[in-house]
Protein backbone atom coordinates (compact mmCIF):
# COMPACT_ATOMS: atom_id res chain seq x y z
CA MET A 1 162.92 164.01 101.74
CA PRO A 2 160.98 167.04 102.84
CA ILE A 3 157.08 167.02 101.96
CA ASP A 4 156.37 169.72 99.50
CA GLU A 5 153.96 172.46 100.66
CA PRO A 6 151.12 172.32 97.87
CA ASP A 7 150.50 168.85 98.69
CA LYS A 8 149.22 169.38 102.31
CA THR A 9 145.79 169.69 100.59
CA ALA A 10 145.83 165.77 99.83
CA VAL A 11 146.05 165.20 103.63
CA ARG A 12 143.63 167.74 104.99
CA THR A 13 140.92 166.41 103.06
CA GLY A 14 141.52 163.13 104.64
CA LYS A 15 141.17 164.58 108.33
CA GLY A 16 138.71 163.18 110.71
CA SER A 17 138.72 160.00 112.55
CA GLY A 18 142.50 158.70 113.43
CA ARG A 19 142.28 155.74 110.85
CA ARG A 20 141.14 158.09 107.89
CA LEU A 21 143.89 160.41 108.81
CA ARG A 22 146.57 157.65 108.73
CA GLY A 23 145.40 156.42 105.60
CA ALA A 24 145.19 159.91 104.22
CA VAL A 25 148.98 160.22 105.09
CA ALA A 26 149.74 156.83 103.94
CA HIS A 27 148.08 157.47 100.72
CA TYR A 28 150.14 160.50 100.13
CA LEU A 29 153.29 159.22 101.09
CA GLY A 30 152.76 155.82 99.13
CA THR A 31 151.56 157.65 95.85
CA ALA A 32 154.77 159.87 96.05
CA ILE A 33 156.91 156.56 96.36
CA VAL A 34 155.23 154.33 93.65
CA SER A 35 155.08 157.50 91.31
CA GLY A 36 158.73 157.86 91.95
CA GLN A 37 158.48 161.33 93.18
CA ILE A 38 160.45 159.93 96.32
CA ALA A 39 162.79 157.61 94.49
CA PRO A 40 164.10 154.13 96.02
CA GLY A 41 167.05 154.55 98.65
CA GLN A 42 166.01 158.34 99.42
CA THR A 43 165.57 158.97 103.22
CA LEU A 44 162.28 160.82 104.36
CA THR A 45 162.69 163.75 106.22
CA GLY A 46 162.59 163.17 110.15
CA GLU A 47 159.33 162.39 111.54
CA VAL A 48 158.79 166.03 113.27
CA ALA A 49 159.63 168.00 109.95
CA ASN A 50 157.26 165.90 107.87
CA ALA A 51 154.43 165.56 110.69
CA GLU A 52 154.71 169.49 110.69
CA ALA A 53 154.55 169.75 106.94
CA LEU A 54 151.63 167.54 106.61
CA ASP A 55 149.85 169.14 109.51
CA VAL A 56 149.52 166.10 111.38
CA SER A 57 150.34 164.88 114.76
CA ARG A 58 153.55 162.65 114.96
CA SER A 59 151.55 159.51 115.91
CA ALA A 60 149.39 160.01 112.79
CA TYR A 61 152.70 160.36 110.56
CA ARG A 62 154.36 157.27 112.50
CA GLU A 63 151.17 155.00 111.96
CA ALA A 64 151.22 155.80 108.28
CA VAL A 65 155.00 154.86 108.06
CA GLN A 66 154.01 151.55 109.78
CA VAL A 67 151.33 150.93 107.12
CA LEU A 68 154.15 151.47 104.36
CA THR A 69 156.50 149.45 106.08
CA ALA A 70 154.14 146.47 106.42
CA LYS A 71 153.75 147.09 102.21
CA GLY A 72 157.39 146.60 101.61
CA LEU A 73 157.81 150.09 100.40
CA VAL A 74 160.03 151.73 103.41
CA GLU A 75 162.18 150.47 106.31
CA SER A 76 163.03 152.46 109.42
CA ARG A 77 166.43 152.26 111.33
CA PRO A 78 167.59 153.70 114.47
CA LYS A 79 170.12 156.74 113.60
CA ILE A 80 169.61 156.07 109.89
CA GLY A 81 165.81 157.13 109.62
CA THR A 82 163.13 155.82 107.02
CA ARG A 83 164.53 154.98 103.67
CA VAL A 84 162.69 154.06 100.50
CA LEU A 85 163.34 150.21 99.85
CA PRO A 86 164.10 149.00 96.11
CA ARG A 87 160.99 148.21 94.10
CA ASN A 88 161.60 144.40 94.10
CA ARG A 89 160.98 144.62 97.86
CA TRP A 90 157.51 146.22 97.37
CA ASN A 91 154.16 144.31 97.53
CA ILE A 92 152.88 145.18 94.48
CA LEU A 93 150.07 143.15 94.75
CA ASP A 94 148.67 144.83 97.85
CA PRO A 95 145.31 146.66 96.68
CA ALA A 96 146.43 149.65 98.35
CA VAL A 97 149.86 149.61 96.61
CA LEU A 98 147.80 149.11 93.15
CA ALA A 99 145.79 152.23 94.02
CA TRP A 100 148.74 154.36 94.72
CA ALA A 101 150.20 153.27 91.35
CA PHE A 102 147.02 154.13 89.51
CA SER A 103 146.34 157.24 91.07
CA THR A 104 148.93 158.79 88.83
CA GLU A 105 149.95 157.89 85.53
CA PRO A 106 151.38 154.35 85.97
CA ASP A 107 155.10 153.23 84.84
CA LEU A 108 154.79 151.03 81.67
CA ALA A 109 157.04 148.40 83.07
CA PHE A 110 154.73 148.11 86.02
CA VAL A 111 151.65 147.71 84.07
CA ARG A 112 153.42 145.13 81.90
CA ASP A 113 154.59 143.21 84.87
CA LEU A 114 150.87 143.16 86.07
CA PHE A 115 149.86 141.92 83.00
CA GLU A 116 152.22 139.19 82.72
CA LEU A 117 151.33 137.74 86.06
CA ARG A 118 147.66 137.85 84.85
CA ALA A 119 148.69 135.99 81.49
CA VAL A 120 150.26 132.96 83.73
CA VAL A 121 147.91 132.80 86.46
CA GLU A 122 144.18 133.52 84.60
CA PRO A 123 144.42 131.04 82.00
CA ALA A 124 145.75 128.28 84.25
CA ALA A 125 142.77 129.44 86.53
CA ALA A 126 140.47 129.17 83.70
CA ARG A 127 141.23 125.62 83.13
CA PHE A 128 141.14 124.47 86.63
CA ALA A 129 137.59 126.13 86.86
CA ALA A 130 136.25 124.62 83.79
CA GLU A 131 137.28 121.30 85.60
CA ARG A 132 136.15 121.83 88.83
CA ARG A 133 133.07 124.40 88.99
CA ASP A 134 130.27 123.49 90.86
CA LYS A 135 126.69 124.97 90.46
CA GLU A 136 127.54 127.90 92.60
CA ASP A 137 130.70 128.79 90.92
CA ILE A 138 128.49 128.94 87.63
CA LYS A 139 125.88 131.21 89.23
CA ALA A 140 128.30 133.65 90.69
CA LEU A 141 130.06 133.61 87.14
CA ARG A 142 126.67 134.14 85.44
CA ASP A 143 125.60 136.79 88.12
CA ALA A 144 128.59 138.90 87.75
CA LEU A 145 128.57 138.73 83.83
CA THR A 146 124.75 139.93 84.00
CA GLY A 147 125.91 142.81 86.17
CA MET A 148 128.65 143.71 83.51
CA ARG A 149 126.07 143.70 80.68
CA ARG A 150 123.58 145.57 82.53
CA HIS A 151 125.81 148.41 83.78
CA THR A 152 128.63 148.30 81.26
CA LEU A 153 132.21 148.98 82.53
CA ALA A 154 131.80 152.51 82.22
CA THR A 155 130.15 152.56 85.51
CA GLU A 156 131.37 151.61 89.17
CA ALA A 157 128.42 149.14 89.52
CA GLY A 158 129.91 147.66 86.00
CA ARG A 159 133.42 147.51 87.36
CA ALA A 160 132.47 146.09 90.69
CA ALA A 161 130.81 143.15 88.34
CA ASP A 162 134.03 143.03 86.70
CA ARG A 163 135.94 142.32 89.69
CA ALA A 164 133.32 139.77 91.21
CA PHE A 165 133.57 137.76 87.76
CA HIS A 166 137.51 137.58 88.16
CA ASP A 167 136.98 136.73 91.90
CA ALA A 168 134.45 134.06 90.91
CA LEU A 169 136.77 132.57 88.43
CA LEU A 170 139.64 132.28 91.12
CA GLN A 171 136.76 130.77 93.68
CA ALA A 172 136.09 128.15 90.86
CA THR A 173 139.44 126.73 90.75
CA HIS A 174 138.98 125.55 94.25
CA ASN A 175 142.64 125.96 94.78
CA ASN A 176 143.35 128.04 97.75
CA ALA A 177 146.53 129.17 96.65
CA MET A 178 145.01 130.97 93.56
CA ILE A 179 142.10 131.87 95.59
CA ALA A 180 144.62 133.89 97.93
CA LEU A 181 145.34 136.21 95.01
CA SER A 182 141.77 136.90 94.17
CA ALA A 183 142.04 140.51 95.78
CA SER A 184 145.08 141.22 94.04
CA ILE A 185 143.85 140.11 90.62
CA SER A 186 140.38 141.82 91.18
CA ALA A 187 142.22 145.15 92.25
CA ALA A 188 144.98 145.01 89.00
CA VAL A 189 141.52 144.26 86.91
CA SER A 190 139.62 147.41 88.35
CA TRP A 191 142.43 149.90 88.25
CA THR A 192 143.62 149.06 84.67
CA THR A 193 139.94 149.43 83.69
CA GLU A 194 139.42 152.59 85.32
CA PHE A 195 142.70 153.93 84.10
CA LYS A 196 141.76 153.06 80.44
CA GLN A 197 138.64 155.53 80.69
CA ARG A 198 140.33 158.57 82.24
CA SER A 199 140.82 160.35 79.12
CA ARG A 200 138.56 158.58 76.46
CA ALA A 201 135.69 155.77 76.33
CA LEU A 202 136.85 152.09 76.24
CA PRO A 203 137.69 151.38 72.85
CA ARG A 204 135.68 148.27 72.52
CA ASP A 205 133.48 146.30 74.80
CA PRO A 206 135.18 143.70 76.77
CA VAL A 207 131.94 142.12 77.80
CA PRO A 208 132.05 139.44 75.10
CA ASP A 209 135.64 138.45 75.90
CA HIS A 210 134.36 137.38 79.56
CA ALA A 211 131.02 135.72 78.05
CA ARG A 212 133.55 133.32 75.90
CA VAL A 213 135.69 132.50 79.08
CA CYS A 214 132.31 131.94 81.11
CA ASP A 215 130.68 129.75 78.31
CA ALA A 216 133.86 127.42 78.08
CA ILE A 217 133.75 127.20 81.85
CA VAL A 218 130.41 126.21 82.16
CA ALA A 219 130.83 123.77 79.21
CA GLY A 220 133.66 121.95 81.26
CA ASP A 221 135.96 122.77 78.15
CA GLY A 222 139.48 123.64 79.95
CA ASP A 223 141.24 123.95 76.70
CA ALA A 224 138.51 126.59 75.42
CA ALA A 225 138.47 128.27 78.88
CA SER A 226 142.22 128.76 79.08
CA ALA A 227 142.29 130.14 75.43
CA ALA A 228 139.62 132.57 76.11
CA MET A 229 141.21 133.78 78.97
CA ARG A 230 144.73 134.33 77.59
CA ALA A 231 142.61 136.44 74.80
CA LEU A 232 140.74 138.37 77.22
CA VAL A 233 144.21 139.40 79.03
CA ASP A 234 146.13 140.13 75.78
CA LEU A 235 143.45 142.64 74.55
CA ALA A 236 143.13 144.22 77.83
CA LEU A 237 146.89 144.82 77.71
CA GLU A 238 146.63 146.40 74.37
CA ASP A 239 143.93 148.49 75.10
CA THR A 240 145.94 149.78 78.50
CA ARG A 241 148.78 150.25 76.07
CA ALA A 242 146.71 152.47 73.82
CA ALA A 243 145.44 154.45 76.87
CA MET A 244 149.03 155.26 78.13
């Protein structure tokens, strides 16, 4: 598929260092793929044509395609070219892929999948955190909650505190497999929160939901922590659906 002429601007703004340019090209192509502009099964136009269309070097374009390949979005084969892979091959939990998904209007099924994952992982994580947390974990949760209250989720500082809260919760499980999901869960939380505020203010303040989770973890009450986290995720999904 050829690159549309008007979209060159998105790449030109990223010109500078080689890494920045590669990132700009990867962002452009990744957004086009995740949004469905370039559909699974389609083959990208050749390297030379797309590099010229984007006004970048062939090496920058090739490196960007390698980034997409590493994230499961495309595969390149000799004599066939670069083909977009089916969605079930994508690493949708990669923070960059999540950013590409929410840079445009996300697909409702994609959002549902994220929240279903959160509904499975985070209530269980809250239960483990209540059973295993130590003083450092409690401090991290409380500090993050304080940051959310001080800045609100309408600000980047508040959203950073929100990410820190969910990261601290997973760290408090002391389960390395769950901790490995922290970057993905935090990115999903951050992008859905930012998305909900694109056209209007948040419909309600979600900080009290987080406070209930924190209080239950501090109290060592696994049942209450799990229930509070499940309620938090369910309410966040309702808010996101309303925003869409």
